[in-house]
Protein backbone atom coordinates (compact mmCIF):
# COMPACT_ATOMS: atom_id res chain seq x y z
CA MET A 1 138.98 35.77 87.05
CA ASP A 2 137.33 39.48 87.02
CA LEU A 3 136.53 41.28 89.83
CA SER A 4 132.96 40.66 90.16
CA SER A 5 133.90 36.80 90.11
CA GLU A 6 136.76 37.13 92.40
CA LEU A 7 134.49 38.92 94.75
CA ARG A 8 131.58 36.19 94.67
CA PHE A 9 134.47 33.50 95.08
CA LEU A 10 135.80 35.04 98.27
CA GLN A 11 132.42 35.30 99.76
CA THR A 12 131.42 32.74 102.56
CA ARG A 13 128.75 30.83 102.13
CA ARG A 14 126.66 32.60 104.85
CA HIS A 15 127.04 35.98 102.84
CA PHE A 16 126.27 34.48 99.42
CA LEU A 17 123.09 33.11 100.87
CA SER A 18 122.00 35.91 102.68
CA SER A 19 122.83 38.33 99.77
CA GLY A 20 120.77 36.03 97.60
CA ARG A 21 117.58 37.31 98.87
CA ASN A 22 118.77 40.89 97.76
CA LEU A 23 119.64 39.87 94.39
CA LEU A 24 115.97 38.39 93.33
CA GLY A 25 114.83 42.03 93.97
CA GLY A 26 117.52 43.70 91.98
CA ALA A 27 115.17 44.06 88.86
CA ALA A 28 112.77 46.19 90.76
CA LEU A 29 115.53 48.43 92.64
CA THR A 30 116.15 51.02 90.20
CA SER A 31 112.50 52.30 90.37
CA LEU A 32 111.75 51.75 93.97
CA LEU A 33 114.69 52.73 95.93
CA ASN A 34 114.34 56.12 96.53
CA GLN A 35 110.69 55.39 97.69
CA THR A 36 111.64 52.44 100.08
CA PHE A 37 114.40 54.28 101.53
CA GLN A 38 111.83 57.36 102.40
CA GLN A 39 109.24 54.95 103.60
CA SER A 40 111.60 52.71 105.70
CA ALA A 41 113.42 55.73 107.24
CA LEU A 42 110.54 57.60 108.59
CA ALA A 43 108.20 54.28 109.04
CA ASP A 44 107.03 53.88 112.55
CA VAL A 45 109.50 52.09 114.70
CA ARG A 46 108.73 48.83 116.23
CA THR A 47 110.82 48.62 119.60
CA HIS A 48 110.64 45.77 122.19
CA PHE A 49 108.53 47.71 124.53
CA PRO A 50 107.52 51.30 124.47
CA ALA A 51 110.41 53.83 124.30
CA LYS A 52 110.17 56.77 127.05
CA ALA A 53 112.92 58.72 124.79
CA LYS A 54 112.84 59.36 121.40
CA ARG A 55 116.06 61.13 120.93
CA VAL A 56 119.41 60.99 123.23
CA ILE A 57 122.18 64.20 123.68
CA TYR A 58 125.16 62.91 125.15
CA LEU A 59 127.71 65.10 126.78
CA HIS A 60 130.79 63.29 126.90
CA MET A 61 133.77 65.01 129.22
CA VAL A 62 136.81 63.59 127.68
CA GLY A 63 139.31 63.08 129.88
CA GLY A 64 137.57 61.89 133.27
CA PRO A 65 135.88 64.70 135.44
CA SER A 66 136.91 64.61 139.05
CA GLN A 67 133.69 63.27 141.01
CA MET A 68 135.16 64.46 144.23
CA ASP A 69 135.62 67.82 143.23
CA LEU A 70 131.70 67.96 141.88
CA PHE A 71 129.47 65.39 142.79
CA ASP A 72 130.72 63.07 145.48
CA TYR A 73 131.15 64.92 148.83
CA LYS A 74 133.65 63.66 150.97
CA PRO A 75 133.67 66.02 154.12
CA GLU A 76 136.26 63.66 156.34
CA MET A 77 138.77 64.21 153.97
CA ALA A 78 139.51 67.28 155.22
CA LYS A 79 140.83 65.73 158.30
CA TRP A 80 143.47 63.62 156.02
CA TYR A 81 145.05 66.36 154.48
CA ASP A 82 148.60 65.35 153.03
CA LYS A 83 148.16 61.83 154.81
CA ASP A 84 148.65 59.06 152.75
CA LEU A 85 146.05 56.65 151.30
CA PRO A 86 145.82 53.95 153.59
CA ASP A 87 146.73 50.52 152.06
CA SER A 88 143.24 48.94 153.24
CA VAL A 89 141.63 51.50 151.01
CA ARG A 90 143.73 50.93 147.93
CA GLN A 91 143.79 47.24 148.33
CA GLY A 92 146.43 46.47 145.71
CA GLN A 93 144.39 48.08 142.86
CA ARG A 94 146.01 48.76 139.71
CA LEU A 95 147.75 52.14 139.12
CA THR A 96 148.88 54.27 136.13
CA THR A 97 152.47 54.43 135.42
CA MET A 98 152.07 58.36 136.35
CA THR A 99 151.99 57.64 139.95
CA SER A 100 152.68 53.92 140.36
CA GLY A 101 156.34 55.46 141.09
CA GLN A 102 155.04 57.78 143.43
CA LYS A 103 156.63 57.05 146.97
CA ARG A 104 153.57 58.76 148.65
CA PHE A 105 149.94 58.88 147.96
CA PRO A 106 148.93 62.14 149.74
CA ILE A 107 145.34 62.94 150.23
CA ALA A 108 143.98 65.74 148.59
CA PRO A 109 140.51 67.07 149.78
CA SER A 110 138.52 69.07 147.51
CA LYS A 111 139.29 72.78 147.73
CA TYR A 112 135.23 73.76 146.68
CA ARG A 113 132.31 74.60 148.65
CA PHE A 114 129.60 71.74 148.55
CA ALA A 115 126.11 72.12 149.38
CA GLN A 116 122.51 70.32 149.18
CA HIS A 117 120.32 71.07 146.64
CA GLY A 118 116.91 70.12 145.72
CA GLN A 119 114.17 68.11 147.60
CA CYS A 120 116.67 65.21 146.82
CA GLY A 121 119.43 66.68 148.90
CA MET A 122 122.30 66.25 146.20
CA TRP A 123 125.51 67.43 147.61
CA MET A 124 127.14 69.54 144.70
CA ASN A 125 129.85 71.76 143.93
CA ASP A 126 127.80 74.80 143.90
CA GLU A 127 130.56 76.96 144.13
CA LEU A 128 131.38 76.26 140.31
CA LEU A 129 128.32 74.63 139.21
CA PRO A 130 125.43 77.24 140.42
CA HIS A 131 123.35 77.07 137.43
CA LEU A 132 123.12 73.24 137.12
CA ALA A 133 122.31 73.31 141.04
CA LYS A 134 119.10 74.55 140.31
CA ASN A 135 118.42 70.81 138.38
CA ALA A 136 119.10 69.15 141.10
CA ASP A 137 115.73 67.41 141.05
CA ASP A 138 115.63 67.20 137.53
CA ILE A 139 118.47 64.81 137.27
CA CYS A 140 119.14 61.18 138.09
CA TRP A 141 122.95 60.94 139.66
CA MET A 142 124.81 57.98 139.30
CA ARG A 143 127.63 58.03 141.90
CA SER A 144 128.80 54.26 141.35
CA LEU A 145 129.97 53.54 137.87
CA HIS A 146 132.75 51.95 137.31
CA THR A 147 135.21 50.16 134.43
CA GLU A 148 138.11 47.84 133.91
CA ALA A 149 139.84 50.47 131.62
CA ILE A 150 142.34 52.75 133.57
CA ASN A 151 143.85 54.59 130.34
CA HIS A 152 141.93 57.14 128.12
CA GLU A 153 141.81 55.17 124.76
CA PRO A 154 140.35 51.79 126.36
CA ALA A 155 138.40 53.88 128.66
CA ILE A 156 136.53 55.81 126.23
CA THR A 157 136.26 53.26 123.62
CA ALA A 158 134.66 50.88 126.40
CA MET A 159 132.33 53.84 127.34
CA GLN A 160 131.21 54.65 123.78
CA THR A 161 131.03 51.08 122.35
CA GLY A 162 130.63 48.79 125.28
CA ASN A 163 134.31 47.23 124.62
CA GLN A 164 137.91 48.48 125.09
CA ILE A 165 138.81 47.09 121.31
CA THR A 166 137.82 49.49 118.65
CA GLY A 167 136.05 48.58 115.80
CA ARG A 168 132.71 47.90 117.70
CA PRO A 169 129.60 50.09 116.92
CA CYS A 170 129.12 52.78 119.24
CA LEU A 171 125.89 53.78 121.46
CA GLY A 172 125.06 56.52 118.83
CA SER A 173 124.82 53.81 116.00
CA TRP A 174 123.12 51.56 117.92
CA ALA A 175 120.40 54.06 118.55
CA SER A 176 120.27 54.65 114.69
CA TYR A 177 120.01 51.00 113.96
CA GLY A 178 117.23 50.51 116.27
CA LEU A 179 115.19 53.74 116.01
CA GLY A 180 116.00 54.90 112.56
CA THR A 181 115.58 58.37 111.50
CA MET A 182 112.56 60.91 111.94
CA ASN A 183 113.94 63.39 109.59
CA GLU A 184 114.91 62.76 106.05
CA ASN A 185 117.05 65.78 105.45
CA LEU A 186 119.20 65.49 108.55
CA PRO A 187 121.45 62.37 109.48
CA THR A 188 120.26 60.18 112.40
CA PHE A 189 123.19 60.41 114.42
CA VAL A 190 125.50 63.76 114.68
CA VAL A 191 128.35 64.49 116.34
CA LEU A 192 129.58 67.86 117.96
CA VAL A 193 133.13 68.64 119.27
CA ALA A 194 133.04 71.63 121.70
CA THR A 195 136.26 73.65 122.01
CA PRO A 196 137.24 74.24 125.68
CA SER A 197 138.22 77.54 126.76
CA ASN A 198 141.34 75.97 128.78
CA ARG A 199 143.49 73.78 126.34
CA GLU A 200 146.22 72.61 128.83
CA GLN A 201 145.77 68.77 128.29
CA GLU A 202 143.61 67.63 125.79
CA GLN A 203 143.01 64.02 124.82
CA ALA A 204 143.25 62.89 121.04
CA ILE A 205 139.38 61.91 119.77
CA SER A 206 138.55 60.71 116.41
CA ALA A 207 135.90 59.21 114.14
CA ARG A 208 136.64 55.88 115.93
CA LEU A 209 134.35 56.98 118.81
CA TRP A 210 131.37 57.55 116.46
CA SER A 211 131.90 54.55 113.95
CA SER A 212 129.40 52.41 113.03
CA GLY A 213 131.64 49.44 113.76
CA TYR A 214 130.45 46.05 111.98
CA LEU A 215 126.69 47.85 111.41
CA PRO A 216 126.05 49.28 108.13
CA GLY A 217 127.85 52.39 107.37
CA GLU A 218 124.48 54.76 107.25
CA HIS A 219 124.65 54.19 111.08
CA ALA A 220 127.97 56.04 111.72
CA GLY A 221 127.86 59.89 112.96
CA VAL A 222 128.15 62.52 111.08
CA SER A 223 130.72 65.20 112.45
CA PHE A 224 129.88 68.81 112.12
CA ARG A 225 132.47 71.42 112.50
CA SER A 226 132.19 74.84 114.22
CA LYS A 227 134.45 76.58 111.48
CA GLY A 228 133.82 76.78 107.61
CA ASP A 229 131.20 74.71 106.13
CA PRO A 230 129.80 72.43 108.78
CA ILE A 231 130.09 69.34 106.87
CA LEU A 232 132.95 69.16 104.42
CA TYR A 233 132.11 69.46 100.75
CA ILE A 234 128.50 69.80 101.34
CA ASN A 235 128.52 72.91 98.93
CA ASN A 236 128.62 72.65 95.19
CA PRO A 237 132.05 73.32 93.72
CA PRO A 238 132.20 77.10 92.23
CA GLY A 239 130.25 77.10 88.67
CA VAL A 240 128.22 73.79 89.22
CA PRO A 241 124.58 74.57 89.75
CA ARG A 242 122.03 72.28 91.60
CA GLU A 243 120.82 70.91 88.39
CA VAL A 244 124.32 69.69 87.15
CA ARG A 245 124.54 68.00 90.78
CA ARG A 246 121.30 66.40 90.70
CA ARG A 247 122.45 64.85 86.96
CA THR A 248 125.45 63.97 88.23
CA LEU A 249 123.93 62.04 91.28
CA ASP A 250 121.30 60.28 89.22
CA SER A 251 124.31 59.01 86.80
CA ILE A 252 126.17 57.95 90.12
CA LYS A 253 122.91 56.09 91.38
CA ALA A 254 122.61 54.43 87.93
CA LEU A 255 126.34 53.09 88.22
CA ASN A 256 125.80 51.80 92.02
CA ASP A 257 122.80 49.91 90.86
CA VAL A 258 124.33 48.20 88.35
CA THR A 259 127.14 47.20 90.89
CA TYR A 260 124.72 46.22 93.38
CA ARG A 261 122.73 43.92 91.09
CA GLU A 262 126.09 42.42 90.30
CA LEU A 263 127.57 42.10 93.83
CA GLY A 264 124.95 42.43 96.23
CA ASP A 265 126.89 44.26 98.40
CA PRO A 266 124.61 46.29 101.26
CA GLU A 267 127.23 48.97 101.61
CA THR A 268 126.32 50.16 97.82
CA LEU A 269 122.92 50.67 99.11
CA THR A 270 124.60 52.79 102.02
CA ARG A 271 126.43 54.89 99.49
CA ILE A 272 123.40 55.77 97.50
CA HIS A 273 121.78 56.43 100.59
CA GLN A 274 124.54 58.82 101.84
CA TYR A 275 124.92 60.67 98.51
CA GLU A 276 121.15 61.37 98.59
CA MET A 277 121.36 62.67 102.20
CA ALA A 278 124.32 64.66 101.31
CA PHE A 279 122.38 66.46 98.73
CA ARG A 280 119.13 67.21 100.72
CA MET A 281 121.17 68.63 103.53
CA GLN A 282 122.58 71.11 101.14
CA ALA A 283 119.28 73.00 101.75
CA SER A 284 118.58 71.68 105.49
CA VAL A 285 122.30 72.59 106.80
CA PRO A 286 122.37 76.22 106.32
CA GLU A 287 118.94 76.81 108.01
CA LEU A 288 119.92 74.65 110.96
CA THR A 289 123.19 76.22 111.66
CA ASP A 290 122.15 79.86 111.30
CA ILE A 291 121.52 80.61 114.96
CA LYS A 292 121.05 84.42 114.25
CA SER A 293 117.17 83.50 114.25
CA GLU A 294 117.22 82.67 117.94
CA PRO A 295 115.78 85.35 119.87
CA ASP A 296 117.78 87.23 122.58
CA HIS A 297 116.34 85.44 125.79
CA VAL A 298 117.70 82.15 124.33
CA PHE A 299 121.21 83.59 124.23
CA ARG A 300 120.41 84.99 127.83
CA LEU A 301 119.78 81.55 128.84
CA TYR A 302 122.68 79.87 127.37
CA GLY A 303 125.08 82.74 127.63
CA GLU A 304 126.70 85.16 125.41
CA GLU A 305 129.25 82.56 124.53
CA ALA A 306 126.31 80.68 122.88
CA ARG A 307 127.01 83.38 119.87
CA LYS A 308 130.54 81.91 119.27
CA PRO A 309 130.97 78.86 117.06
CA GLY A 310 132.64 76.15 118.94
CA THR A 311 132.39 76.74 122.26
CA PHE A 312 130.48 74.37 124.81
CA ALA A 313 127.31 76.91 125.10
CA ASN A 314 127.05 77.03 121.33
CA THR A 315 127.45 73.13 120.73
CA ALA A 316 124.68 72.89 123.38
CA LEU A 317 122.49 75.31 121.62
CA MET A 318 123.24 73.83 118.16
CA ALA A 319 122.05 70.40 120.12
CA ARG A 320 118.91 71.39 120.76
CA ARG A 321 118.47 72.82 117.39
CA LEU A 322 119.20 69.31 116.09
CA ALA A 323 116.96 67.62 118.27
CA GLU A 324 113.80 69.57 117.77
CA ARG A 325 114.79 68.86 113.95
CA GLY A 326 114.47 65.15 114.63
CA VAL A 327 118.10 64.04 114.95
CA ARG A 328 117.68 60.79 117.06
CA PHE A 329 121.16 60.83 118.70
CA ILE A 330 123.52 64.07 119.45
CA GLN A 331 126.95 63.25 120.75
CA VAL A 332 128.96 66.19 122.14
CA TYR A 333 132.57 66.07 123.15
CA HIS A 334 133.79 68.48 125.49
CA ASN A 335 137.91 68.25 126.04
CA ASN A 336 140.78 68.91 128.70
CA TRP A 337 139.00 67.13 132.04
CA ASP A 338 142.15 65.48 132.25
CA HIS A 339 143.43 66.96 135.58
CA HIS A 340 146.82 65.37 136.35
CA ALA A 341 147.75 68.76 137.34
CA ASN A 342 146.70 72.27 138.05
CA VAL A 343 142.94 70.93 139.30
CA GLY A 344 142.63 74.40 141.15
CA GLY A 345 143.41 76.34 137.84
CA ARG A 346 141.48 74.56 135.13
CA MET A 347 138.41 72.83 137.20
CA PRO A 348 136.79 76.51 137.44
CA ASP A 349 137.56 76.80 133.55
CA GLN A 350 135.90 73.54 132.55
CA CYS A 351 133.07 74.23 134.70
CA ARG A 352 132.50 77.74 133.47
CA ASP A 353 132.23 76.30 129.77
CA VAL A 354 129.52 73.86 130.82
CA ASP A 355 127.52 74.95 133.85
CA GLN A 356 125.07 77.29 132.28
CA PRO A 357 124.87 75.64 129.19
CA CYS A 358 123.82 72.23 131.05
CA HIS A 359 121.06 74.28 132.97
CA ALA A 360 120.03 75.93 129.67
CA LEU A 361 119.39 72.88 127.66
CA ILE A 362 117.30 70.99 130.65
CA THR A 363 115.26 74.39 130.70
CA ASP A 364 115.16 74.92 127.08
CA LEU A 365 113.65 71.45 126.30
CA LYS A 366 111.35 71.66 129.28
CA GLU A 367 109.92 75.16 127.91
CA ARG A 368 109.78 73.53 124.37
CA GLY A 369 107.81 70.18 125.59
CA MET A 370 110.47 68.11 124.53
CA PHE A 371 112.42 67.20 127.92
CA ASP A 372 110.25 63.96 128.73
CA GLU A 373 111.22 62.67 125.49
CA THR A 374 114.88 63.62 125.25
CA LEU A 375 117.67 61.86 127.39
CA ILE A 376 120.53 63.86 128.41
CA ILE A 377 123.60 62.07 129.60
CA TRP A 378 126.54 63.60 131.06
CA GLY A 379 129.79 61.97 132.30
CA GLY A 380 133.28 61.10 131.30
CA GLU A 381 135.48 57.76 130.79
CA PHE A 382 136.53 57.29 134.12
CA GLY A 383 136.97 59.39 137.56
CA ARG A 384 139.90 60.75 139.27
CA THR A 385 141.94 59.60 142.24
CA ILE A 386 141.46 61.57 145.92
CA TYR A 387 145.16 61.55 146.33
CA SER A 388 147.38 63.89 144.54
CA GLN A 389 149.37 63.25 141.68
CA GLY A 390 152.97 65.50 142.23
CA GLY A 391 152.36 67.89 145.09
CA LEU A 392 149.90 69.46 147.06
CA SER A 393 150.34 73.23 146.13
CA THR A 394 147.87 75.05 144.02
CA GLU A 395 150.12 75.17 140.83
CA ASN A 396 151.17 71.19 141.29
CA TYR A 397 147.98 69.67 142.49
CA GLY A 398 146.56 67.15 140.20
CA ARG A 399 144.43 63.77 140.05
CA ASP A 400 145.40 60.40 138.32
CA HIS A 401 143.08 58.11 136.60
CA HIS A 402 140.52 56.05 138.69
CA PRO A 403 138.19 53.58 137.33
CA ARG A 404 136.61 52.27 140.14
CA CYS A 405 134.07 54.93 140.89
CA PHE A 406 132.90 57.65 139.32
CA THR A 407 129.89 59.90 138.76
CA MET A 408 127.49 60.29 135.95
CA TRP A 409 124.04 61.85 135.51
CA MET A 410 120.80 61.58 133.26
CA ALA A 411 118.10 63.73 133.14
CA GLY A 412 114.66 63.62 130.94
CA GLY A 413 113.87 60.73 128.76
CA GLY A 414 112.55 58.55 131.49
CA ALA A 415 115.25 58.89 133.80
CA ARG A 416 114.05 59.22 137.42
CA GLY A 417 114.85 62.61 138.20
CA GLY A 418 116.08 63.72 141.73
CA SER A 419 117.23 60.23 142.55
CA ILE A 420 120.64 59.35 143.93
CA TYR A 421 121.82 56.05 142.85
CA GLY A 422 125.10 54.32 144.56
CA GLU A 423 127.45 55.21 147.13
CA THR A 424 131.15 55.07 147.67
CA ASP A 425 133.53 55.02 150.68
CA ASP A 426 134.86 57.98 152.44
CA PHE A 427 137.90 58.27 150.14
CA SER A 428 135.78 58.08 146.93
CA TYR A 429 137.83 55.01 145.97
CA ASN A 430 135.61 51.98 146.34
CA ILE A 431 131.93 51.40 145.98
CA VAL A 432 130.13 50.62 149.12
CA LYS A 433 126.41 50.71 147.86
CA ASP A 434 124.69 49.45 144.37
CA PRO A 435 127.82 48.97 142.01
CA LEU A 436 126.86 50.38 138.29
CA HIS A 437 129.16 48.87 135.68
CA ILE A 438 129.05 50.62 132.25
CA ARG A 439 127.58 47.47 130.58
CA ASP A 440 124.50 48.11 133.11
CA PHE A 441 124.23 51.92 132.31
CA HIS A 442 124.30 50.80 128.65
CA ALA A 443 121.66 48.51 129.00
CA THR A 444 119.39 50.97 130.90
CA VAL A 445 119.93 53.46 128.22
CA LEU A 446 118.89 51.09 125.61
CA HIS A 447 115.87 50.35 127.87
CA LEU A 448 114.83 53.90 128.07
CA LEU A 449 115.09 53.93 124.20
CA GLY A 450 112.89 50.74 123.90
CA TYR A 451 114.86 48.17 123.40
CA ASP A 452 116.16 45.04 125.55
CA HIS A 453 120.05 45.22 125.24
CA GLU A 454 119.81 41.23 124.64
CA ARG A 455 117.83 41.40 121.75
CA LEU A 456 119.04 44.66 119.91
CA SER A 457 121.60 42.76 118.01
CA PHE A 458 123.35 42.50 114.40
CA LYS A 459 124.66 39.30 112.92
CA HIS A 460 128.52 39.80 112.59
CA GLN A 461 131.05 36.77 111.88
CA GLY A 462 128.44 34.32 112.74
CA LEU A 463 127.67 35.91 116.10
CA ASP A 464 124.93 38.27 117.22
CA GLY A 465 126.78 41.35 118.13
CA ARG A 466 125.51 43.63 120.87
CA LEU A 467 126.27 46.73 122.71
CA THR A 468 126.49 45.03 125.89
CA GLY A 469 128.69 41.89 124.70
CA VAL A 470 128.36 38.56 126.45
CA GLU A 471 129.11 39.72 129.93
CA PRO A 472 126.18 39.85 132.31
CA ALA A 473 124.43 43.48 132.02
CA LYS A 474 121.24 44.36 133.79
CA VAL A 475 118.53 47.24 133.53
CA ILE A 476 118.63 49.17 136.84
CA PRO A 477 115.03 50.02 137.70
CA GLN A 478 116.07 52.64 140.17
CA LEU A 479 117.10 54.89 137.50
CA LEU A 480 113.75 54.68 135.50
CA ALA A 481 111.07 57.21 136.08
């Protein structure tokens, strides 16, 4: 049995029948393929209802920012310094192995200054976030996020894909699948990884977080590098002119056409499409990444760090450049928010990295008329504990993981600026008003993109796969403008 026959033999009946409709059009594939891709990629998107956001910039703080040190003001905790967390507050909830063996759980109040900002009166740490405080009324504050995951790997996977188990499509892939591209010369979904100035305790991140899962491979994120070529192998090898590369791709495409007619595998179409995208990106990416063309006032807005490749400021500026060139979903990762120790030493560094650039991104998008159609998301995979991990001295002061409540924010793109949703107890340990599960958060983001989370699905192994899964999820109207 040859390879072709063996693959057909192994196909399920459902896959065979679904691929048959593609085989019927095989004769016309060669002449129409490029035209079809260009038309379908740039065609008008039919959403379930009018979308408020055309694109997303998702700023993920890897490790879990401390909500009570940034946005969840708890002044009563000053009276509880070094007293143990009451059992009535903990309620027997799960702890990580990093603190479950502690004999004491001493309360560690935030050491930073808070003040109310904007007409919404949001309490913020304006000692470390003075720039972002200016945008209080532009931001939709969510103080009651919660998740079941208590460790990084399952928590960040759940936040990105809706499930603690790896292998599911991430939010960016669902956006790409639903909305398609606005620019045939750049990917629909781009990933940028910013290097923090403080690198004490970084978490591992990899392409599993921007995988397309069971969606077609073309919806996976494309990672841009900050050093060397932005994308590996994007440039032709020495001695290979563009004309030779074009003839090579034409020949490869002809072979892939034959493979597709033989097997009907949709991933073959993805391969053809990605080869063509890579060829077009050879011209578009150098212009995109050449930030020297930006005027000086832009660098004053984002800060001089924006001139340095790999910094968060540079990445935020690059995110704006991608957004204005039609990229649908820009995923940014900023590491080292896993504050098990030295909160007093590391938190200022982390905030210094992101404060001015986040303010600049909002301001920049406003000035370009893009803010109302661009949804900015900021947050981590869970929060931190009010009690200290280790001692209470400046050198040892740390906070463990806390999934029961944490804070994220959204701005632009149909989010209700100047609103504050959710409330936690005096210990920032339990939610006392308006709980917001990450499934509800995902459903609300899809709603802003114009999709009903229960209807945006993809058939996989006989089931209708969805970002929000099969458990209850709901759109939160209070988060919508």
